[in-house]
C-alpha cells in the first residue's frame, strides 16, 4: 500500500500513512516494467500504480550545488477503483517540503503546479491530473523543482520513456 489519496466532491483529501510508503525496488508486487517505469498492483485495498525514480537529481542552496541526504524520490500515477480514482499524479521528494510551497512540473515547456503536504505533492484537481498525464504521455522528460523545509532547491528529472505503456497497464489492471 502507498499513500491514500481520495477525491470527493471536487476536493482532494490526503491521508498519508508513513508506514505505507516504500520504494518500488523494495516492493514484491511489481507486475510489469515499461522502460523507465514500473507497474505495481495491490489487492487489498485494490490499487495499481505506475512509478519511476529520477534519472538526474540536482540539489542547490544559495545558488551552489550541495550534497543532501534524501529518501525515496518517486513520481507516480495511481488508480483506485473503490475510491473512484482514475489517474492521480503524486510526487514524493524524499524530504519534507517547505510549508506552503508548491512543486513546479515542467514537461516539454508546459508548466504545472503541485501542492505539498509533508513529503508529498499532488495536483489541485482531477482536471489538473488529466492535463499532467496528457503532457507526460507526450513528453520525453519531466523536471520537478521543489523547495525543502531547510531551503534546499531540488530539481529532479524523470525519463518519460515507457510512461504511456506503464500508466495504461496500471489503469487496465484496476478497472
Protein backbone atom coordinates (compact mmCIF):
# COMPACT_ATOMS: atom_id res chain seq x y z
CA UNK A 1 0.00 0.00 0.00
CA UNK A 2 1.09 3.55 -0.64
CA UNK A 3 -0.39 6.89 0.39
CA UNK A 4 -4.18 7.07 0.29
CA UNK A 5 -5.38 9.92 -1.84
CA UNK A 6 -9.13 10.18 -2.13
CA UNK A 7 -11.08 12.62 -4.22
CA UNK A 8 -14.63 13.60 -3.49
CA UNK A 9 -16.96 16.48 -4.19
CA UNK A 10 -14.24 18.29 -6.16
CA UNK A 11 -11.87 18.43 -3.17
CA UNK A 12 -8.68 16.49 -2.62
CA UNK A 13 -8.35 14.80 0.73
CA UNK A 14 -4.95 13.44 1.63
CA UNK A 15 -4.49 10.81 4.27
CA UNK A 16 -0.88 9.69 4.44
CA UNK A 17 0.29 6.70 6.37
CA UNK A 18 4.07 6.90 6.68
CA UNK A 19 4.50 3.17 7.19
CA UNK A 20 2.71 2.52 3.90
CA UNK A 21 5.35 4.32 1.86
CA UNK A 22 8.13 2.26 0.35
CA UNK A 23 10.31 2.31 -2.74
CA UNK A 24 9.49 0.37 -5.86
CA UNK A 25 12.64 -1.75 -5.51
CA UNK A 26 11.56 -2.91 -2.03
CA UNK A 27 8.08 -3.95 -3.13
CA UNK A 28 7.17 -7.51 -4.00
CA UNK A 29 4.09 -6.71 -6.05
CA UNK A 30 5.65 -5.39 -9.27
CA UNK A 31 3.64 -6.72 -12.20
CA UNK A 32 5.32 -5.05 -15.18
CA UNK A 33 8.26 -2.88 -16.25
CA UNK A 34 8.00 -0.44 -19.14
CA UNK A 35 11.44 1.06 -19.81
CA UNK A 36 11.94 3.73 -17.06
CA UNK A 37 8.58 2.97 -15.41
CA UNK A 38 7.32 0.07 -13.30
CA UNK A 39 3.76 -1.05 -12.61
CA UNK A 40 2.56 -2.30 -9.23
CA UNK A 41 -0.71 -3.78 -8.06
CA UNK A 42 -2.20 -4.33 -4.61
CA UNK A 43 -5.35 -6.34 -3.94
CA UNK A 44 -6.49 -5.03 -0.55
CA UNK A 45 -7.33 -2.27 -0.99
CA UNK A 46 -7.44 -2.53 -4.76
CA UNK A 47 -4.93 -0.11 -6.29
CA UNK A 48 -2.50 -0.02 -9.19
CA UNK A 49 0.21 2.48 -9.98
CA UNK A 50 2.93 3.38 -12.43
CA UNK A 51 6.11 4.69 -10.78
CA UNK A 52 9.58 5.90 -11.68
CA UNK A 53 12.67 7.25 -9.93
CA UNK A 54 14.56 10.24 -11.33
CA UNK A 55 17.34 9.86 -13.87
CA UNK A 56 19.03 13.01 -12.56
CA UNK A 57 18.86 14.96 -9.30
CA UNK A 58 20.45 18.35 -8.57
CA UNK A 59 20.28 19.97 -5.12
CA UNK A 60 21.23 23.63 -4.63
CA UNK A 61 21.36 26.05 -1.73
CA UNK A 62 22.25 29.72 -2.09
CA UNK A 63 22.98 29.08 -5.77
CA UNK A 64 25.55 26.33 -5.11
CA UNK A 65 25.22 22.61 -5.75
CA UNK A 66 25.15 20.80 -2.42
CA UNK A 67 25.10 17.19 -1.28
CA UNK A 68 22.00 16.32 0.74
CA UNK A 69 20.53 13.13 2.10
CA UNK A 70 17.09 12.36 0.69
CA UNK A 71 14.74 9.45 0.99
CA UNK A 72 12.95 7.85 -1.95
CA UNK A 73 12.23 10.23 -4.83
CA UNK A 74 9.28 8.93 -6.85
CA UNK A 75 6.81 10.16 -9.45
CA UNK A 76 3.63 8.05 -9.54
CA UNK A 77 0.21 7.76 -11.13
CA UNK A 78 -2.42 5.86 -9.09
CA UNK A 79 -5.66 4.07 -9.89
CA UNK A 80 -8.04 3.14 -7.03
CA UNK A 81 -11.37 1.88 -8.36
CA UNK A 82 -13.09 1.67 -4.94
CA UNK A 83 -12.26 5.35 -4.29
CA UNK A 84 -13.14 6.49 -7.81
CA UNK A 85 -9.51 7.46 -8.54
CA UNK A 86 -8.60 7.03 -12.21
CA UNK A 87 -5.19 8.62 -12.69
CA UNK A 88 -3.93 10.52 -9.63
CA UNK A 89 -0.46 12.04 -10.07
CA UNK A 90 1.66 12.06 -6.89
CA UNK A 91 5.28 13.00 -6.17
CA UNK A 92 7.47 12.42 -3.14
CA UNK A 93 10.75 14.31 -2.99
CA UNK A 94 12.37 12.29 -0.22
CA UNK A 95 12.21 15.15 2.30
CA UNK A 96 9.60 17.41 3.93
CA UNK A 97 8.69 20.22 1.55
CA UNK A 98 8.75 23.81 2.81
CA UNK A 99 5.41 24.70 4.38
CA UNK A 100 3.03 26.34 1.91
CA UNK A 101 5.34 25.62 -1.03
CA UNK A 102 4.48 24.10 -4.39
CA UNK A 103 6.30 21.81 -6.78
CA UNK A 104 6.82 23.10 -10.32
CA UNK A 105 6.42 20.44 -13.01
CA UNK A 106 7.92 21.19 -16.43
CA UNK A 107 7.12 18.79 -19.26
CA UNK A 108 8.41 19.93 -22.63
CA UNK A 109 7.97 23.59 -21.70
CA UNK A 110 4.46 23.08 -20.29
CA UNK A 111 4.34 24.19 -16.64
CA UNK A 112 2.13 22.69 -13.94
CA UNK A 113 1.88 23.14 -10.18
CA UNK A 114 1.53 20.57 -7.43
CA UNK A 115 0.61 21.38 -3.84
CA UNK A 116 2.62 19.96 -0.96
CA UNK A 117 2.00 18.47 2.45
CA UNK A 118 4.83 16.86 4.37
CA UNK A 119 6.85 14.80 1.90
CA UNK A 120 4.06 14.54 -0.72
CA UNK A 121 2.81 16.70 -3.59
CA UNK A 122 -0.20 16.36 -5.88
CA UNK A 123 -2.25 18.45 -8.34
CA UNK A 124 -5.18 20.54 -7.09
CA UNK A 125 -7.89 18.70 -9.05
CA UNK A 126 -8.70 15.70 -11.21
CA UNK A 127 -8.74 18.09 -14.20
CA UNK A 128 -5.13 19.05 -13.39
CA UNK A 129 -4.23 15.35 -13.06
CA UNK A 130 -5.63 14.75 -16.56
CA UNK A 131 -3.65 17.67 -18.02
CA UNK A 132 -0.42 16.48 -16.42
CA UNK A 133 -0.97 12.87 -17.54
CA UNK A 134 -1.64 14.03 -21.13
CA UNK A 135 1.61 16.05 -21.06
CA UNK A 136 3.52 13.11 -19.54
CA UNK A 137 2.30 10.88 -22.38
CA UNK A 138 3.54 13.37 -25.00
CA UNK A 139 6.80 14.35 -23.29
CA UNK A 140 10.33 12.96 -23.22
CA UNK A 141 11.15 14.07 -19.67
CA UNK A 142 9.57 15.78 -16.67
CA UNK A 143 11.52 18.14 -14.42
CA UNK A 144 10.13 18.67 -10.91
CA UNK A 145 11.53 21.59 -8.94
CA UNK A 146 10.76 21.98 -5.24
CA UNK A 147 11.99 23.57 -2.00
CA UNK A 148 12.73 21.65 1.17
CA UNK A 149 11.89 22.81 4.66
CA UNK A 150 15.60 23.60 5.05
CA UNK A 151 15.60 25.85 1.97
CA UNK A 152 17.34 23.48 -0.44
CA UNK A 153 16.08 23.69 -4.02
CA UNK A 154 15.77 20.28 -5.65
CA UNK A 155 15.47 19.60 -9.35
CA UNK A 156 14.56 16.01 -10.27
CA UNK A 157 14.44 14.86 -13.89
CA UNK A 158 12.32 11.84 -14.79
CA UNK A 159 12.50 9.97 -18.09
CA UNK A 160 9.07 9.50 -19.63
CA UNK A 161 10.21 6.55 -21.73
CA UNK A 162 7.61 3.87 -21.04
CA UNK A 163 5.22 6.16 -19.13
CA UNK A 164 2.31 5.71 -21.54
CA UNK A 165 2.60 1.91 -21.56
CA UNK A 166 3.00 1.78 -17.77
CA UNK A 167 0.07 4.07 -16.97
CA UNK A 168 -2.17 2.20 -19.42
CA UNK A 169 -1.14 -1.13 -17.85
CA UNK A 170 -1.90 0.19 -14.34
CA UNK A 171 -5.26 1.53 -15.50
CA UNK A 172 -6.17 -1.77 -17.19
CA UNK A 173 -5.26 -3.80 -14.10
CA UNK A 174 -7.51 -1.66 -11.85
CA UNK A 175 -10.66 -1.38 -13.94
